[in-house]
C-alpha cells in the first residue's frame, strides 16, 4: 500500500496558489483514475483507489501547510505504513516552473510543510518536487507561494498535471524514471520529424557552345565590343 500526500492549504482562497500544487496533482490523479470521492479522515481529505495490485490512499491535509505532518503521521499510523510507503507532492521554489524532480530522504530546505512532516514521520520518505520558480529574494518567498499561478503559467501547469497522472502508476510501482518521462512527454513533446524540407532554388545552367545561336559574324562583332 502507498500513501500519496499533496501539500497545500484548505479552502477556496488558496486553491490556485503555487503552494497548493500538491493538492492539484492529487485532484488530477483522483479524477483521471476513478478513485473514490473525497471524504474527511486523518485531519484531511482522502480518496482511495488502486494501481494494479497496489492499494493507494490519497491525502490532502486540512491542518494548513505548517502542520501538515499531523495528518500524515495519523494516516501512516492508522494504515500501518512506514515512511518508505509515503510519497509527498510539494511545491519547490528551487526548481524552475514546469520542472519535476524526485528525491528520497534529506532535509526540508526550509519548506514549512516538509518541516512538519519531518517532525512527525522522519525524513525517510519520497518526495515529488514540483518546480514553481523563485521570486528572486528570500523575503519575497511567502507572498510568492501564496499567490495564484498567473494565466501565463496555465499551459505548462496543465501539461505537468496531466503528465503526473499519466505516469503515476509507474511511480507507485517504483519506476521513477518512467514517471518523469511521462511528464516530459507532456511538457516537452518531441518535435515532428515529418516537416517539409525547404525547397531548393536551382541556379541556371551555364550557357554552352551548342546553346549559342549567334552567327559567326555576330560573334566576331561581339568579341571586339
N, C-alpha and C. Protein backbone atom coordinates (compact mmCIF):
# COMPACT_ATOMS: atom_id res chain seq x y z
N UNK A 1 0.84 -1.20 0.00
CA UNK A 1 0.00 0.00 0.00
C UNK A 1 0.87 1.25 0.00
N UNK A 2 0.38 2.30 -0.66
CA UNK A 2 1.09 3.57 -0.70
C UNK A 2 0.18 4.69 -0.22
N UNK A 3 0.78 5.64 0.47
CA UNK A 3 0.09 6.86 0.88
C UNK A 3 0.69 8.02 0.10
N UNK A 4 -0.12 8.62 -0.77
CA UNK A 4 0.30 9.77 -1.57
C UNK A 4 -0.29 11.02 -0.95
N UNK A 5 0.58 11.96 -0.61
CA UNK A 5 0.17 13.17 0.10
C UNK A 5 0.48 14.40 -0.74
N UNK A 6 -0.53 15.23 -0.93
CA UNK A 6 -0.31 16.52 -1.57
C UNK A 6 -0.30 17.60 -0.51
N UNK A 7 0.69 18.48 -0.54
CA UNK A 7 0.75 19.55 0.44
C UNK A 7 0.07 20.81 -0.10
N UNK A 8 -0.61 21.51 0.78
CA UNK A 8 -1.30 22.73 0.40
C UNK A 8 -2.09 23.28 1.58
N UNK A 9 -2.91 24.27 1.33
CA UNK A 9 -3.78 24.86 2.33
C UNK A 9 -5.24 24.65 1.93
N UNK A 10 -6.11 24.36 2.88
CA UNK A 10 -7.52 24.11 2.55
C UNK A 10 -8.29 25.39 2.28
N UNK A 11 -9.35 25.28 1.48
CA UNK A 11 -10.23 26.41 1.24
C UNK A 11 -10.05 27.04 -0.13
N UNK A 12 -11.13 27.64 -0.63
CA UNK A 12 -11.13 28.24 -1.97
C UNK A 12 -10.12 29.37 -2.10
N UNK A 13 -9.85 30.06 -1.01
CA UNK A 13 -8.91 31.19 -1.03
C UNK A 13 -7.53 30.78 -1.51
N UNK A 14 -7.16 29.54 -1.20
CA UNK A 14 -5.80 29.08 -1.51
C UNK A 14 -5.74 28.10 -2.69
N UNK A 15 -6.89 27.74 -3.25
CA UNK A 15 -6.98 26.63 -4.19
C UNK A 15 -6.03 26.74 -5.38
N UNK A 16 -5.79 27.95 -5.88
CA UNK A 16 -4.96 28.11 -7.08
C UNK A 16 -3.58 28.69 -6.77
N UNK A 17 -3.21 28.71 -5.49
CA UNK A 17 -1.88 29.19 -5.10
C UNK A 17 -0.78 28.27 -5.58
N UNK A 18 0.41 28.83 -5.78
CA UNK A 18 1.57 28.00 -6.10
C UNK A 18 1.81 26.95 -4.99
N UNK A 19 1.56 27.35 -3.75
CA UNK A 19 1.77 26.47 -2.60
C UNK A 19 0.86 25.23 -2.65
N UNK A 20 -0.19 25.29 -3.45
CA UNK A 20 -1.18 24.22 -3.50
C UNK A 20 -1.02 23.28 -4.68
N UNK A 21 0.12 23.30 -5.34
CA UNK A 21 0.31 22.45 -6.50
C UNK A 21 0.26 20.96 -6.12
N UNK A 22 0.60 20.65 -4.87
CA UNK A 22 0.48 19.26 -4.40
C UNK A 22 -0.97 18.80 -4.37
N UNK A 23 -1.87 19.67 -3.88
CA UNK A 23 -3.31 19.37 -3.91
C UNK A 23 -3.78 19.16 -5.36
N UNK A 24 -3.32 20.05 -6.26
CA UNK A 24 -3.73 19.98 -7.66
C UNK A 24 -3.33 18.64 -8.28
N UNK A 25 -2.13 18.17 -7.97
CA UNK A 25 -1.65 16.90 -8.51
C UNK A 25 -2.55 15.75 -8.06
N UNK A 26 -2.91 15.72 -6.78
CA UNK A 26 -3.76 14.64 -6.28
C UNK A 26 -5.17 14.72 -6.85
N UNK A 27 -5.68 15.93 -7.02
CA UNK A 27 -7.01 16.07 -7.63
C UNK A 27 -7.03 15.48 -9.04
N UNK A 28 -5.98 15.72 -9.81
CA UNK A 28 -5.93 15.20 -11.18
C UNK A 28 -5.82 13.67 -11.16
N UNK A 29 -5.00 13.14 -10.27
CA UNK A 29 -4.86 11.69 -10.16
C UNK A 29 -6.20 11.04 -9.82
N UNK A 30 -6.89 11.58 -8.80
CA UNK A 30 -8.16 11.02 -8.37
C UNK A 30 -9.20 11.07 -9.49
N UNK A 31 -9.23 12.18 -10.21
CA UNK A 31 -10.21 12.35 -11.28
C UNK A 31 -9.96 11.42 -12.45
N UNK A 32 -8.70 11.30 -12.85
CA UNK A 32 -8.36 10.52 -14.05
C UNK A 32 -8.42 9.01 -13.83
N UNK A 33 -8.23 8.57 -12.59
CA UNK A 33 -8.07 7.13 -12.35
C UNK A 33 -9.20 6.50 -11.54
N UNK A 34 -10.34 7.17 -11.50
CA UNK A 34 -11.53 6.57 -10.91
C UNK A 34 -11.44 6.29 -9.42
N UNK A 35 -10.73 7.14 -8.68
CA UNK A 35 -10.65 6.97 -7.23
C UNK A 35 -12.01 7.30 -6.60
N UNK A 36 -12.20 6.84 -5.37
CA UNK A 36 -13.42 7.15 -4.64
C UNK A 36 -13.55 8.65 -4.46
N UNK A 37 -14.74 9.12 -4.14
CA UNK A 37 -14.91 10.53 -3.86
C UNK A 37 -14.14 10.93 -2.61
N UNK A 38 -13.79 12.20 -2.52
CA UNK A 38 -13.06 12.69 -1.36
C UNK A 38 -13.95 12.67 -0.12
N UNK A 39 -13.38 12.27 1.01
CA UNK A 39 -14.10 12.28 2.28
C UNK A 39 -13.15 12.65 3.41
N UNK A 40 -13.70 13.10 4.52
CA UNK A 40 -12.89 13.57 5.64
C UNK A 40 -12.34 12.42 6.46
N UNK A 41 -11.04 12.44 6.69
CA UNK A 41 -10.38 11.47 7.57
C UNK A 41 -8.94 11.90 7.78
N UNK A 42 -8.37 11.52 8.90
CA UNK A 42 -6.96 11.81 9.21
C UNK A 42 -6.66 13.32 9.17
N UNK A 43 -7.58 14.15 9.65
CA UNK A 43 -7.40 15.61 9.63
C UNK A 43 -7.18 16.13 8.22
N UNK A 44 -7.85 15.49 7.28
CA UNK A 44 -7.71 15.91 5.89
C UNK A 44 -8.79 15.31 5.03
N UNK A 45 -8.58 15.35 3.73
CA UNK A 45 -9.47 14.72 2.76
C UNK A 45 -8.74 13.56 2.12
N UNK A 46 -9.40 12.40 2.04
CA UNK A 46 -8.77 11.24 1.43
C UNK A 46 -9.63 10.70 0.29
N UNK A 47 -8.97 10.04 -0.65
CA UNK A 47 -9.63 9.30 -1.74
C UNK A 47 -8.84 8.00 -1.90
N UNK A 48 -9.53 6.95 -2.27
CA UNK A 48 -8.89 5.63 -2.32
C UNK A 48 -9.06 4.99 -3.69
N UNK A 49 -8.05 4.21 -4.08
CA UNK A 49 -8.09 3.51 -5.36
C UNK A 49 -6.96 2.50 -5.45
N UNK A 50 -6.74 2.02 -6.65
CA UNK A 50 -5.68 1.01 -6.86
C UNK A 50 -4.94 1.28 -8.17
N UNK A 51 -3.70 0.87 -8.18
CA UNK A 51 -2.93 0.76 -9.41
C UNK A 51 -2.42 -0.67 -9.46
N UNK A 52 -3.04 -1.47 -10.32
CA UNK A 52 -2.72 -2.88 -10.32
C UNK A 52 -3.13 -3.51 -9.01
N UNK A 53 -2.20 -4.21 -8.38
CA UNK A 53 -2.49 -4.87 -7.10
C UNK A 53 -2.19 -3.99 -5.90
N UNK A 54 -1.71 -2.77 -6.15
CA UNK A 54 -1.31 -1.88 -5.06
C UNK A 54 -2.44 -0.93 -4.67
N UNK A 55 -2.86 -1.00 -3.43
CA UNK A 55 -3.88 -0.07 -2.92
C UNK A 55 -3.21 1.26 -2.61
N UNK A 56 -3.90 2.34 -2.96
CA UNK A 56 -3.34 3.68 -2.79
C UNK A 56 -4.36 4.57 -2.09
N UNK A 57 -3.89 5.30 -1.08
CA UNK A 57 -4.70 6.33 -0.43
C UNK A 57 -4.10 7.69 -0.74
N UNK A 58 -4.93 8.59 -1.23
CA UNK A 58 -4.52 9.98 -1.46
C UNK A 58 -4.96 10.81 -0.27
N UNK A 59 -4.08 11.70 0.19
CA UNK A 59 -4.38 12.52 1.36
C UNK A 59 -4.03 13.98 1.09
N UNK A 60 -5.03 14.86 1.32
CA UNK A 60 -4.80 16.30 1.30
C UNK A 60 -5.03 16.82 2.73
N UNK A 61 -3.96 17.08 3.48
CA UNK A 61 -4.12 17.56 4.86
C UNK A 61 -4.92 18.87 4.91
N UNK A 62 -5.78 18.99 5.91
CA UNK A 62 -6.54 20.23 6.11
C UNK A 62 -6.08 20.96 7.38
N UNK A 63 -4.88 20.66 7.81
CA UNK A 63 -4.32 21.28 9.01
C UNK A 63 -3.60 22.58 8.70
N UNK A 64 -3.63 23.01 7.43
CA UNK A 64 -2.83 24.10 6.90
C UNK A 64 -1.38 23.63 6.78
N UNK A 65 -0.68 24.25 5.85
CA UNK A 65 0.64 23.78 5.43
C UNK A 65 1.59 23.52 6.60
N UNK A 66 1.67 24.46 7.54
CA UNK A 66 2.69 24.37 8.58
C UNK A 66 2.46 23.23 9.57
N UNK A 67 1.29 22.59 9.52
CA UNK A 67 1.00 21.47 10.42
C UNK A 67 0.68 20.20 9.63
N UNK A 68 1.14 20.14 8.41
CA UNK A 68 0.83 19.01 7.53
C UNK A 68 1.20 17.66 8.13
N UNK A 69 2.28 17.64 8.88
CA UNK A 69 2.77 16.37 9.45
C UNK A 69 1.78 15.71 10.39
N UNK A 70 0.91 16.48 11.02
CA UNK A 70 -0.09 15.89 11.92
C UNK A 70 -0.98 14.91 11.16
N UNK A 71 -1.48 15.34 10.01
CA UNK A 71 -2.35 14.49 9.20
C UNK A 71 -1.59 13.30 8.62
N UNK A 72 -0.37 13.56 8.13
CA UNK A 72 0.42 12.48 7.53
C UNK A 72 0.75 11.42 8.57
N UNK A 73 1.17 11.86 9.76
CA UNK A 73 1.51 10.91 10.82
C UNK A 73 0.32 10.07 11.25
N UNK A 74 -0.84 10.71 11.38
CA UNK A 74 -2.04 9.98 11.79
C UNK A 74 -2.43 8.94 10.75
N UNK A 75 -2.39 9.33 9.48
CA UNK A 75 -2.74 8.39 8.41
C UNK A 75 -1.76 7.23 8.34
N UNK A 76 -0.48 7.53 8.47
CA UNK A 76 0.53 6.49 8.38
C UNK A 76 0.39 5.47 9.50
N UNK A 77 0.12 5.94 10.69
CA UNK A 77 -0.04 5.02 11.83
C UNK A 77 -1.30 4.17 11.68
N UNK A 78 -2.40 4.79 11.28
CA UNK A 78 -3.66 4.06 11.15
C UNK A 78 -3.56 2.98 10.06
N UNK A 79 -2.89 3.32 8.95
CA UNK A 79 -2.77 2.39 7.84
C UNK A 79 -1.62 1.41 8.01
N UNK A 80 -0.90 1.54 9.15
CA UNK A 80 0.23 0.65 9.47
C UNK A 80 1.29 0.66 8.36
N UNK A 81 1.66 1.87 7.97
CA UNK A 81 2.68 2.06 6.95
C UNK A 81 3.97 2.58 7.57
N UNK A 82 5.05 2.45 6.83
CA UNK A 82 6.32 3.06 7.23
C UNK A 82 6.54 4.29 6.37
N UNK A 83 7.51 5.09 6.74
CA UNK A 83 7.76 6.32 5.97
C UNK A 83 8.17 6.01 4.53
N UNK A 84 8.72 4.82 4.28
CA UNK A 84 9.10 4.43 2.92
C UNK A 84 7.90 4.21 2.02
N UNK A 85 6.71 4.11 2.61
CA UNK A 85 5.47 3.92 1.83
C UNK A 85 4.79 5.25 1.50
N UNK A 86 5.40 6.35 1.92
CA UNK A 86 4.79 7.67 1.77
C UNK A 86 5.47 8.44 0.64
N UNK A 87 4.67 9.05 -0.23
CA UNK A 87 5.18 9.92 -1.30
C UNK A 87 4.51 11.29 -1.15
N UNK A 88 5.32 12.33 -0.98
CA UNK A 88 4.82 13.69 -0.77
C UNK A 88 4.98 14.49 -2.06
N UNK A 89 3.91 15.15 -2.50
CA UNK A 89 3.94 16.07 -3.65
C UNK A 89 3.94 17.50 -3.11
N UNK A 90 4.93 18.28 -3.46
CA UNK A 90 5.01 19.63 -2.90
C UNK A 90 5.63 20.63 -3.87
N UNK A 91 5.36 21.91 -3.65
CA UNK A 91 5.94 22.98 -4.44
C UNK A 91 7.41 23.12 -4.10
N UNK A 92 8.21 23.48 -5.11
CA UNK A 92 9.65 23.61 -4.92
C UNK A 92 10.14 24.89 -5.59
N UNK A 93 10.52 25.89 -4.78
CA UNK A 93 10.96 27.17 -5.33
C UNK A 93 12.35 27.10 -5.95
N UNK A 94 13.12 26.07 -5.62
CA UNK A 94 14.47 25.96 -6.17
C UNK A 94 14.51 25.26 -7.52
N UNK A 95 13.34 24.98 -8.08
CA UNK A 95 13.24 24.44 -9.44
C UNK A 95 12.42 25.40 -10.29
N UNK A 96 12.81 25.50 -11.55
CA UNK A 96 12.07 26.36 -12.48
C UNK A 96 10.66 25.84 -12.71
N UNK A 97 9.72 26.70 -13.03
CA UNK A 97 8.36 26.26 -13.32
C UNK A 97 8.35 25.18 -14.41
N UNK A 98 7.59 24.12 -14.18
CA UNK A 98 7.49 23.03 -15.14
C UNK A 98 8.50 21.93 -14.94
N UNK A 99 9.48 22.14 -14.06
CA UNK A 99 10.48 21.10 -13.77
C UNK A 99 9.99 20.23 -12.62
N UNK A 100 10.23 18.93 -12.72
CA UNK A 100 9.84 17.97 -11.68
C UNK A 100 11.04 17.09 -11.36
N UNK A 101 11.30 16.90 -10.09
CA UNK A 101 12.39 16.04 -9.66
C UNK A 101 11.91 15.11 -8.55
N UNK A 102 12.54 13.96 -8.42
CA UNK A 102 12.25 13.02 -7.35
C UNK A 102 13.39 13.02 -6.34
N UNK A 103 13.04 12.82 -5.09
CA UNK A 103 14.05 12.79 -4.04
C UNK A 103 13.58 11.87 -2.92
N UNK A 104 14.51 11.15 -2.33
CA UNK A 104 14.21 10.31 -1.18
C UNK A 104 15.06 10.77 -0.01
N UNK A 105 14.42 11.06 1.12
CA UNK A 105 15.17 11.49 2.30
C UNK A 105 15.76 12.87 2.13
N UNK A 106 16.64 13.22 3.07
CA UNK A 106 17.29 14.53 3.02
C UNK A 106 16.57 15.57 3.86
N UNK A 107 17.01 16.82 3.74
CA UNK A 107 16.47 17.90 4.54
C UNK A 107 15.18 18.46 3.97
N UNK A 108 14.62 19.45 4.68
CA UNK A 108 13.37 20.06 4.23
C UNK A 108 13.60 21.38 3.52
N UNK A 109 14.84 21.89 3.52
CA UNK A 109 15.22 23.12 2.80
C UNK A 109 14.33 24.31 3.15
N UNK A 110 13.85 24.36 4.38
CA UNK A 110 13.04 25.50 4.81
C UNK A 110 11.58 25.44 4.43
N UNK A 111 11.16 24.39 3.75
CA UNK A 111 9.75 24.26 3.37
C UNK A 111 8.96 23.88 4.62
N UNK A 112 8.02 24.73 5.03
CA UNK A 112 7.33 24.51 6.30
C UNK A 112 6.48 23.25 6.32
N UNK A 113 5.91 22.87 5.19
CA UNK A 113 5.14 21.64 5.14
C UNK A 113 6.03 20.43 5.35
N UNK A 114 7.17 20.41 4.67
CA UNK A 114 8.12 19.30 4.84
C UNK A 114 8.70 19.30 6.25
N UNK A 115 8.94 20.47 6.78
CA UNK A 115 9.47 20.55 8.14
C UNK A 115 8.53 19.85 9.12
N UNK A 116 7.23 20.09 8.95
CA UNK A 116 6.24 19.46 9.81
C UNK A 116 6.19 17.95 9.60
N UNK A 117 6.26 17.52 8.34
CA UNK A 117 6.25 16.08 8.04
C UNK A 117 7.48 15.42 8.66
N UNK A 118 8.64 16.06 8.54
CA UNK A 118 9.86 15.54 9.18
C UNK A 118 9.63 15.31 10.67
N UNK A 119 8.99 16.27 11.31
CA UNK A 119 8.80 16.19 12.75
C UNK A 119 7.90 15.05 13.17
N UNK A 120 7.03 14.58 12.28
CA UNK A 120 6.07 13.53 12.65
C UNK A 120 6.45 12.14 12.14
N UNK A 121 7.13 12.05 10.99
CA UNK A 121 7.44 10.71 10.46
C UNK A 121 8.93 10.54 10.12
N UNK A 122 9.74 11.58 10.35
CA UNK A 122 11.14 11.48 9.99
C UNK A 122 11.36 11.86 8.52
N UNK A 123 12.61 11.83 8.05
CA UNK A 123 12.92 12.31 6.70
C UNK A 123 12.90 11.25 5.61
N UNK A 124 12.70 9.99 5.97
CA UNK A 124 12.92 8.91 5.00
C UNK A 124 11.68 8.58 4.18
N UNK A 125 11.14 9.57 3.50
CA UNK A 125 10.00 9.37 2.61
C UNK A 125 10.38 9.90 1.24
N UNK A 126 9.60 9.54 0.24
CA UNK A 126 9.85 10.00 -1.13
C UNK A 126 9.15 11.33 -1.35
N UNK A 127 9.78 12.18 -2.17
CA UNK A 127 9.17 13.48 -2.49
C UNK A 127 9.10 13.66 -4.01
N UNK A 128 8.04 14.24 -4.48
CA UNK A 128 7.93 14.70 -5.85
C UNK A 128 8.00 16.22 -5.78
N UNK A 129 9.11 16.78 -6.22
CA UNK A 129 9.37 18.21 -6.11
C UNK A 129 8.87 18.90 -7.38
N UNK A 130 7.87 19.75 -7.23
CA UNK A 130 7.20 20.39 -8.36
C UNK A 130 7.64 21.85 -8.45
N UNK A 131 8.46 22.16 -9.42
CA UNK A 131 9.04 23.49 -9.53
C UNK A 131 8.01 24.58 -9.78
N UNK A 132 8.12 25.66 -9.02
CA UNK A 132 7.25 26.83 -9.22
C UNK A 132 8.07 28.10 -9.44
N UNK A 133 9.40 27.98 -9.41
CA UNK A 133 10.24 29.15 -9.59
C UNK A 133 10.46 29.93 -8.30
N UNK A 134 11.40 30.85 -8.35
CA UNK A 134 11.80 31.63 -7.18
C UNK A 134 11.54 33.11 -7.45
N UNK A 135 11.05 33.87 -6.48
CA UNK A 135 10.78 35.30 -6.72
C UNK A 135 12.03 36.15 -6.81
N UNK A 136 13.18 35.59 -6.45
CA UNK A 136 14.43 36.33 -6.57
C UNK A 136 15.04 36.77 -5.26
N UNK A 137 14.24 36.85 -4.20
CA UNK A 137 14.75 37.22 -2.88
C UNK A 137 13.99 36.42 -1.83
N UNK A 138 14.70 35.93 -0.83
CA UNK A 138 14.07 35.04 0.14
C UNK A 138 12.93 35.72 0.92
N UNK A 139 13.03 37.04 1.11
CA UNK A 139 11.97 37.73 1.84
C UNK A 139 10.65 37.76 1.06
N UNK A 140 10.73 37.56 -0.25
CA UNK A 140 9.52 37.60 -1.08
C UNK A 140 8.87 36.23 -1.22
N UNK A 141 9.52 35.18 -0.70
CA UNK A 141 9.02 33.82 -0.90
C UNK A 141 7.62 33.60 -0.33
N UNK A 142 7.32 33.98 0.93
CA UNK A 142 5.97 33.71 1.47
C UNK A 142 4.85 34.29 0.61
N UNK A 143 4.99 35.52 0.21
CA UNK A 143 3.96 36.14 -0.62
C UNK A 143 3.87 35.50 -1.99
N UNK A 144 5.02 35.10 -2.51
CA UNK A 144 5.08 34.49 -3.85
C UNK A 144 4.34 33.16 -3.89
N UNK A 145 4.60 32.27 -2.94
CA UNK A 145 3.98 30.95 -2.98
C UNK A 145 2.50 31.01 -2.61
N UNK A 146 2.09 32.07 -1.92
CA UNK A 146 0.67 32.21 -1.54
C UNK A 146 -0.12 33.04 -2.54
N UNK A 147 0.45 33.26 -3.73
CA UNK A 147 -0.28 33.90 -4.82
C UNK A 147 -0.66 32.85 -5.85
N UNK A 148 -1.73 33.11 -6.58
CA UNK A 148 -2.18 32.18 -7.62
C UNK A 148 -1.19 32.10 -8.76
N UNK A 149 -1.18 30.96 -9.44
CA UNK A 149 -0.43 30.86 -10.69
C UNK A 149 -1.00 31.87 -11.68
N UNK A 150 -0.16 32.63 -12.37
CA UNK A 150 -0.67 33.57 -13.37
C UNK A 150 -1.20 32.82 -14.60
N UNK A 151 -2.01 33.52 -15.39
CA UNK A 151 -2.57 32.89 -16.59
C UNK A 151 -1.50 32.37 -17.52
N UNK A 152 -0.36 33.05 -17.56
CA UNK A 152 0.73 32.64 -18.46
C UNK A 152 1.29 31.26 -18.10
N UNK A 153 1.05 30.81 -16.88
CA UNK A 153 1.56 29.51 -16.44
C UNK A 153 0.57 28.36 -16.66
N UNK A 154 -0.63 28.68 -17.09
CA UNK A 154 -1.67 27.64 -17.14
C UNK A 154 -1.36 26.51 -18.11
N UNK A 155 -0.73 26.81 -19.24
CA UNK A 155 -0.45 25.76 -20.22
C UNK A 155 0.53 24.73 -19.69
N UNK A 156 1.68 25.19 -19.18
CA UNK A 156 2.66 24.21 -18.69
C UNK A 156 2.13 23.51 -17.45
N UNK A 157 1.36 24.22 -16.62
CA UNK A 157 0.82 23.61 -15.40
C UNK A 157 -0.14 22.48 -15.75
N UNK A 158 -1.02 22.72 -16.71
CA UNK A 158 -1.96 21.68 -17.12
C UNK A 158 -1.22 20.49 -17.72
N UNK A 159 -0.21 20.76 -18.55
CA UNK A 159 0.58 19.67 -19.14
C UNK A 159 1.28 18.86 -18.05
N UNK A 160 1.84 19.55 -17.07
CA UNK A 160 2.55 18.86 -15.99
C UNK A 160 1.60 17.97 -15.19
N UNK A 161 0.43 18.49 -14.85
CA UNK A 161 -0.52 17.70 -14.07
C UNK A 161 -1.01 16.48 -14.87
N UNK A 162 -1.20 16.65 -16.15
CA UNK A 162 -1.59 15.53 -17.00
C UNK A 162 -0.48 14.49 -17.04
N UNK A 163 0.76 14.96 -17.12
CA UNK A 163 1.90 14.05 -17.14
C UNK A 163 2.03 13.27 -15.84
N UNK A 164 1.80 13.94 -14.72
CA UNK A 164 1.84 13.27 -13.42
C UNK A 164 0.80 12.16 -13.40
N UNK A 165 -0.39 12.45 -13.89
CA UNK A 165 -1.46 11.45 -13.93
C UNK A 165 -1.09 10.30 -14.86
N UNK A 166 -0.49 10.64 -16.02
CA UNK A 166 -0.08 9.60 -16.97
C UNK A 166 0.89 8.60 -16.34
N UNK A 167 1.82 9.12 -15.53
CA UNK A 167 2.91 8.28 -15.04
C UNK A 167 2.76 7.79 -13.61
N UNK A 168 1.64 8.13 -12.95
CA UNK A 168 1.55 7.85 -11.52
C UNK A 168 1.62 6.35 -11.20
N UNK A 169 1.06 5.50 -12.05
CA UNK A 169 1.12 4.07 -11.80
C UNK A 169 2.57 3.58 -11.79
N UNK A 170 3.41 4.18 -12.64
CA UNK A 170 4.83 3.81 -12.67
C UNK A 170 5.53 4.25 -11.39
N UNK A 171 5.20 5.45 -10.90
CA UNK A 171 5.81 5.92 -9.66
C UNK A 171 5.44 5.01 -8.49
N UNK A 172 4.16 4.65 -8.41
CA UNK A 172 3.70 3.75 -7.34
C UNK A 172 4.41 2.41 -7.42
N UNK A 173 4.70 1.97 -8.65
CA UNK A 173 5.38 0.68 -8.85
C UNK A 173 6.89 0.78 -8.61
N UNK A 174 7.39 2.00 -8.36
CA UNK A 174 8.81 2.18 -8.06
C UNK A 174 9.66 2.57 -9.24
N UNK A 175 9.04 2.86 -10.39
CA UNK A 175 9.80 3.23 -11.59
C UNK A 175 9.79 4.75 -11.75
N UNK A 176 10.68 5.42 -11.03
CA UNK A 176 10.77 6.87 -11.08
C UNK A 176 11.11 7.42 -12.45
N UNK A 177 12.10 6.86 -13.15
CA UNK A 177 12.45 7.40 -14.48
C UNK A 177 11.28 7.34 -15.46
N UNK A 178 10.50 6.29 -15.42
CA UNK A 178 9.36 6.18 -16.34
C UNK A 178 8.30 7.23 -15.98
N UNK A 179 8.13 7.48 -14.70
CA UNK A 179 7.21 8.53 -14.25
C UNK A 179 7.64 9.89 -14.78
N UNK A 180 8.92 10.21 -14.62
CA UNK A 180 9.42 11.51 -15.09
C UNK A 180 9.33 11.62 -16.60
N UNK A 181 9.54 10.51 -17.29
CA UNK A 181 9.44 10.53 -18.75
C UNK A 181 8.01 10.84 -19.20
N UNK A 182 7.03 10.32 -18.48
CA UNK A 182 5.63 10.60 -18.82
C UNK A 182 5.34 12.09 -18.71
N UNK A 183 5.92 12.74 -17.71
CA UNK A 183 5.72 14.18 -17.55
C UNK A 183 6.42 14.94 -18.68
N UNK A 184 7.65 14.51 -18.99
CA UNK A 184 8.41 15.17 -20.06
C UNK A 184 7.69 15.09 -21.39
N UNK A 185 7.02 13.98 -21.66
CA UNK A 185 6.31 13.84 -22.93
C UNK A 185 5.13 14.80 -23.04
N UNK A 186 4.59 15.21 -21.90
CA UNK A 186 3.52 16.20 -21.90
C UNK A 186 4.05 17.64 -21.97
N UNK A 187 5.06 17.91 -21.14
CA UNK A 187 5.57 19.28 -21.02
C UNK A 187 6.44 19.66 -22.21
N UNK A 188 7.26 18.70 -22.69
CA UNK A 188 8.15 18.94 -23.82
C UNK A 188 8.00 17.82 -24.84
N UNK A 189 6.88 17.77 -25.55
CA UNK A 189 6.68 16.68 -26.51
C UNK A 189 7.72 16.72 -27.61
N UNK A 190 8.09 15.55 -28.15
CA UNK A 190 9.09 15.53 -29.22
C UNK A 190 8.58 16.26 -30.45
N UNK A 191 9.49 16.91 -31.16
CA UNK A 191 9.10 17.64 -32.36
C UNK A 191 8.85 16.65 -33.50
N UNK A 192 7.93 17.02 -34.37
CA UNK A 192 7.61 16.16 -35.51
C UNK A 192 8.79 16.09 -36.47
N UNK A 193 9.04 14.90 -37.03
CA UNK A 193 10.14 14.73 -37.99
C UNK A 193 9.61 14.69 -39.42
N UNK A 194 8.35 15.07 -39.62
CA UNK A 194 7.72 14.98 -40.94
C UNK A 194 7.57 16.32 -41.62
N UNK A 195 8.29 17.33 -41.11
CA UNK A 195 8.18 18.66 -41.71
C UNK A 195 8.72 18.66 -43.13
N UNK A 196 8.15 19.49 -43.99
CA UNK A 196 8.55 19.54 -45.38
C UNK A 196 9.87 20.28 -45.52
N UNK A 197 10.88 19.66 -46.18
CA UNK A 197 12.16 20.35 -46.33
C UNK A 197 12.03 21.59 -47.20
N UNK A 198 12.87 22.56 -46.90
CA UNK A 198 12.83 23.81 -47.66
C UNK A 198 13.17 23.54 -49.13
N UNK A 199 12.41 24.16 -50.03
CA UNK A 199 12.64 23.95 -51.46
C UNK A 199 14.00 24.49 -51.85
N UNK A 200 14.69 23.75 -52.71
CA UNK A 200 16.00 24.16 -53.19
C UNK A 200 15.83 25.04 -54.43
N UNK A 201 16.50 26.18 -54.44
CA UNK A 201 16.45 27.07 -55.60
C UNK A 201 17.59 26.70 -56.52
N UNK A 202 17.26 26.26 -57.73
CA UNK A 202 18.30 25.81 -58.66
C UNK A 202 18.87 26.99 -59.43
N UNK A 203 20.18 26.97 -59.63
CA UNK A 203 20.85 28.00 -60.42
C UNK A 203 20.71 27.65 -61.90
N UNK A 204 20.58 28.65 -62.76
CA UNK A 204 20.51 28.35 -64.20
C UNK A 204 21.82 27.76 -64.68
N UNK A 205 21.71 26.78 -65.55
CA UNK A 205 22.91 26.13 -66.08
C UNK A 205 23.68 27.11 -66.96
N UNK A 206 25.02 27.08 -66.93
CA UNK A 206 25.80 27.99 -67.77
C UNK A 206 25.57 27.69 -69.25
N UNK A 207 25.62 28.73 -70.05
CA UNK A 207 25.42 28.54 -71.49
C UNK A 207 26.58 27.77 -72.10
N UNK A 208 26.30 26.91 -73.03
CA UNK A 208 27.34 26.12 -73.72
C UNK A 208 27.42 26.58 -75.16
N UNK A 209 28.44 26.09 -75.84
CA UNK A 209 28.64 26.45 -77.25
C UNK A 209 27.42 26.06 -78.07
N UNK A 210 26.81 24.92 -77.72
CA UNK A 210 25.67 24.45 -78.51
C UNK A 210 24.45 25.33 -78.34
N UNK A 211 24.38 26.06 -77.21
CA UNK A 211 23.23 26.90 -76.96
C UNK A 211 23.34 28.27 -77.66
N UNK A 212 24.54 28.60 -78.18
CA UNK A 212 24.78 29.92 -78.76
C UNK A 212 24.34 29.90 -80.23
N UNK A 213 23.25 30.64 -80.57
CA UNK A 213 22.73 30.63 -81.94
C UNK A 213 23.11 31.90 -82.72
N UNK A 214 24.14 32.63 -82.22
CA UNK A 214 24.58 33.81 -82.96
C UNK A 214 25.33 33.38 -84.23
N UNK A 215 25.30 34.25 -85.24
CA UNK A 215 26.05 33.96 -86.48
C UNK A 215 27.53 34.17 -86.23
N UNK A 216 28.34 33.65 -87.12
CA UNK A 216 29.80 33.80 -86.98
C UNK A 216 30.19 35.27 -86.99
N UNK A 217 29.55 36.06 -87.86
CA UNK A 217 29.85 37.49 -87.94
C UNK A 217 29.47 38.19 -86.63
N UNK A 218 28.29 37.79 -86.06
CA UNK A 218 27.83 38.44 -84.82
C UNK A 218 28.77 38.14 -83.66
N UNK A 219 29.27 36.90 -83.65
CA UNK A 219 30.22 36.53 -82.59
C UNK A 219 31.48 37.38 -82.68
N UNK A 220 31.96 37.61 -83.90
CA UNK A 220 33.18 38.39 -84.09
C UNK A 220 32.97 39.82 -83.68
N UNK A 221 31.79 40.39 -84.04
CA UNK A 221 31.48 41.76 -83.65
C UNK A 221 31.40 41.90 -82.15
N UNK A 222 30.75 40.91 -81.49
CA UNK A 222 30.58 40.98 -80.03
C UNK A 222 31.93 40.89 -79.33
N UNK A 223 32.90 40.14 -79.93
CA UNK A 223 34.19 39.95 -79.26
C UNK A 223 34.95 41.25 -79.15
N UNK A 224 34.78 42.19 -80.13
CA UNK A 224 35.54 43.44 -80.11
C UNK A 224 34.75 44.64 -79.58
N UNK A 225 33.64 44.42 -78.99
CA UNK A 225 32.87 45.50 -78.38
C UNK A 225 33.52 45.95 -77.09
